[in-house]
Amino acid sequence: MAILTLSELLSHPPQGPHSTNKGPKESPARTLHPILDNTMANNSSSHSSLNRRQVAQALNIPPEMAARNGIPSRMSASEVAALDANPPAWLAQSRANATGKRPIWVDLRCYLCDFLEVARPKKWWPEFTYVICDFHENSELPDPKAGWRRSEYDGVGSRFRGIVDSQDD
């Protein structure tokens, strides 16, 4: 499923399941994350609203920046769409300064059960081979290739473990 812009989401509700990926994925700037698709699809009233974290995700900014620049604790989807279409000076400057080297948000999707969480990436996260929920067993994953070893990283997002398969030297 393609990640939709705010205007596309407001005019065409999302359909179908999300595709599976195998680890953190950079979310393109100025797009709505799949986790927000569900929020909006399940809240079809004319007063649908997003919390500040969801607004930050939709605008591809850190939540601290949203709070610092006066984003209220809740905003309607139409207000967020208007803010995205006509960004204030601070948001336009933030977008102009973005280098794209490091994502603001990543999608963490369990390789086994497809649970999705949008999270802020940590500097210590390597590129994961697999991301799985913390209650899954490592034995549920495919075995690493011959001559490769498996490392595990706890504390990825709110409920995940990151798995890295690397070749022995």
Protein backbone atom coordinates (compact mmCIF):
# COMPACT_ATOMS: atom_id res chain seq x y z
CA MET A 1 0.00 0.00 0.00
CA ALA A 2 1.32 3.41 -0.87
CA ILE A 3 1.68 6.01 1.85
CA LEU A 4 -0.94 8.66 1.20
CA THR A 5 -0.67 12.41 1.49
CA LEU A 6 -3.12 14.16 3.78
CA SER A 7 -5.23 15.46 0.90
CA GLU A 8 -5.38 12.01 -0.70
CA LEU A 9 -6.42 10.43 2.58
CA LEU A 10 -9.15 12.97 3.18
CA SER A 11 -10.60 12.46 -0.31
CA HIS A 12 -10.06 8.66 -0.60
CA PRO A 13 -10.23 6.44 2.51
CA PRO A 14 -7.50 3.76 2.71
CA GLN A 15 -8.25 0.23 1.53
CA GLY A 16 -6.55 -3.14 1.92
CA PRO A 17 -3.89 -4.44 4.30
CA HIS A 18 -0.49 -2.87 4.80
CA SER A 19 2.45 -4.48 3.08
CA THR A 20 5.03 -6.24 5.19
CA ASN A 21 8.54 -4.92 5.51
CA LYS A 22 11.47 -6.39 7.39
CA GLY A 23 12.61 -3.58 9.65
CA PRO A 24 12.77 0.16 10.09
CA LYS A 25 11.69 2.01 7.01
CA GLU A 26 12.14 5.69 6.36
CA SER A 27 8.87 7.49 5.87
CA PRO A 28 8.91 10.05 3.09
CA ALA A 29 8.53 13.68 4.09
CA ARG A 30 5.07 15.25 4.00
CA THR A 31 3.15 11.97 3.91
CA LEU A 32 0.72 10.30 6.23
CA HIS A 33 1.93 7.14 7.94
CA PRO A 34 -0.08 3.92 7.63
CA ILE A 35 -0.78 3.94 11.37
CA LEU A 36 -2.58 7.24 10.85
CA ASP A 37 -4.59 5.73 8.00
CA ASN A 38 -6.28 3.47 10.54
CA THR A 39 -6.90 6.35 12.93
CA MET A 40 -8.63 8.37 10.25
CA ALA A 41 -10.49 5.41 8.71
CA ASN A 42 -11.86 4.39 12.12
CA ASN A 43 -12.87 7.95 12.98
CA SER A 44 -15.24 8.90 10.19
CA SER A 45 -17.06 11.71 12.00
CA SER A 46 -16.71 15.24 10.73
CA HIS A 47 -14.88 16.06 13.98
CA SER A 48 -12.10 13.50 13.55
CA SER A 49 -8.98 14.62 15.33
CA LEU A 50 -5.37 13.66 15.68
CA ASN A 51 -3.25 13.95 18.80
CA ARG A 52 -0.02 15.97 18.78
CA ARG A 53 2.14 12.89 18.13
CA GLN A 54 0.02 11.93 15.12
CA VAL A 55 0.17 15.50 13.82
CA ALA A 56 3.98 15.43 14.19
CA GLN A 57 4.06 12.15 12.24
CA ALA A 58 1.83 13.57 9.50
CA LEU A 59 4.03 16.69 9.21
CA ASN A 60 7.24 14.62 9.53
CA ILE A 61 8.57 16.64 12.47
CA PRO A 62 9.65 15.63 15.97
CA PRO A 63 6.91 15.88 18.63
CA GLU A 64 9.12 18.29 20.60
CA MET A 65 9.10 20.69 17.65
CA ALA A 66 5.32 20.41 17.41
CA ALA A 67 4.91 21.31 21.08
CA ARG A 68 7.53 24.08 20.96
CA ASN A 69 5.78 25.73 18.01
CA GLY A 70 2.30 25.74 19.51
CA ILE A 71 0.69 22.68 17.90
CA PRO A 72 -2.31 22.01 20.19
CA SER A 73 -2.81 18.66 21.91
CA ARG A 74 -5.53 17.77 19.36
CA MET A 75 -6.16 18.99 15.81
CA SER A 76 -8.73 18.07 13.20
CA ALA A 77 -7.56 16.33 10.05
CA SER A 78 -8.62 19.33 7.97
CA GLU A 79 -6.52 21.66 10.16
CA VAL A 80 -3.51 19.37 9.71
CA ALA A 81 -4.09 19.28 5.95
CA ALA A 82 -4.25 23.09 5.88
CA LEU A 83 -1.05 23.34 7.94
CA ASP A 84 0.67 20.89 5.58
CA ALA A 85 -0.52 22.77 2.47
CA ASN A 86 0.35 26.25 3.81
CA PRO A 87 3.18 25.69 6.32
CA PRO A 88 4.05 28.48 8.76
CA ALA A 89 7.57 29.90 8.57
CA TRP A 90 9.02 27.51 11.20
CA LEU A 91 7.70 24.44 9.35
CA ALA A 92 8.84 25.69 5.95
CA GLN A 93 12.30 26.39 7.41
CA SER A 94 12.42 22.93 9.00
CA ARG A 95 11.61 21.32 5.66
CA ALA A 96 14.19 23.46 3.88
CA ASN A 97 16.86 22.43 6.41
CA ALA A 98 16.07 18.70 6.20
CA THR A 99 18.97 16.78 4.71
CA GLY A 100 17.24 13.41 4.51
CA LYS A 101 20.28 11.67 6.03
CA ARG A 102 18.37 10.55 9.09
CA PRO A 103 14.62 9.89 9.16
CA ILE A 104 12.40 11.62 11.71
CA TRP A 105 10.05 8.63 11.97
CA VAL A 106 10.38 4.96 11.03
CA ASP A 107 7.77 2.26 10.63
CA LEU A 108 8.50 -0.76 12.83
CA ARG A 109 6.58 -3.78 11.56
CA CYS A 110 6.81 -7.22 13.14
CA TYR A 111 8.12 -9.72 10.62
CA LEU A 112 5.94 -12.47 12.13
CA CYS A 113 2.57 -10.90 13.02
CA ASP A 114 2.64 -7.65 11.00
CA PHE A 115 2.02 -5.41 14.05
CA LEU A 116 2.93 -1.83 13.11
CA GLU A 117 4.28 0.99 15.23
CA VAL A 118 5.61 4.37 14.12
CA ALA A 119 8.62 5.36 16.23
CA ARG A 120 11.49 7.79 16.47
CA PRO A 121 14.69 5.99 15.42
CA LYS A 122 17.54 5.85 17.93
CA LYS A 123 21.14 6.55 16.99
CA TRP A 124 22.23 3.15 18.30
CA TRP A 125 19.87 1.17 16.05
CA PRO A 126 21.76 -0.77 13.40
CA GLU A 127 20.05 -1.80 10.19
CA PHE A 128 17.88 -4.69 11.38
CA THR A 129 17.44 -7.87 9.38
CA TYR A 130 14.18 -8.55 11.25
CA VAL A 131 12.02 -6.67 13.73
CA ILE A 132 9.78 -8.85 15.89
CA CYS A 133 7.46 -8.32 18.86
CA ASP A 134 9.14 -9.06 22.18
CA PHE A 135 6.82 -12.01 22.91
CA HIS A 136 7.78 -13.95 19.75
CA GLU A 137 10.50 -16.61 19.97
CA ASN A 138 13.62 -16.29 17.82
CA SER A 139 12.98 -19.89 16.71
CA GLU A 140 9.98 -18.56 14.72
CA LEU A 141 12.38 -16.70 12.40
CA PRO A 142 14.18 -18.25 9.43
CA ASP A 143 17.61 -19.56 10.40
CA PRO A 144 20.57 -17.34 9.55
CA LYS A 145 22.65 -18.30 6.53
CA ALA A 146 25.54 -20.69 7.08
CA GLY A 147 28.54 -18.75 8.42
CA TRP A 148 26.36 -15.90 9.69
CA ARG A 149 25.67 -15.06 13.31
CA ARG A 150 22.58 -13.51 14.84
CA SER A 151 22.56 -10.56 17.28
CA GLU A 152 19.55 -9.35 19.22
CA TYR A 153 18.71 -5.81 20.36
CA ASP A 154 16.04 -5.28 23.03
CA GLY A 155 14.13 -2.05 23.53
CA VAL A 156 13.30 -1.23 19.93
CA GLY A 157 10.15 0.87 19.96
CA SER A 158 7.65 0.03 22.69
CA ARG A 159 7.42 -3.74 22.12
CA PHE A 160 10.00 -4.95 19.64
CA ARG A 161 13.36 -6.67 19.41
CA GLY A 162 15.66 -5.98 16.51
CA ILE A 163 17.51 -8.91 14.96
CA VAL A 164 20.69 -8.46 12.92
CA ASP A 165 22.23 -11.27 10.90
CA SER A 166 25.86 -10.57 10.06
CA GLN A 167 28.63 -12.53 8.43
CA ASP A 168 31.44 -13.81 10.63
CA ASP A 169 34.82 -12.41 9.68
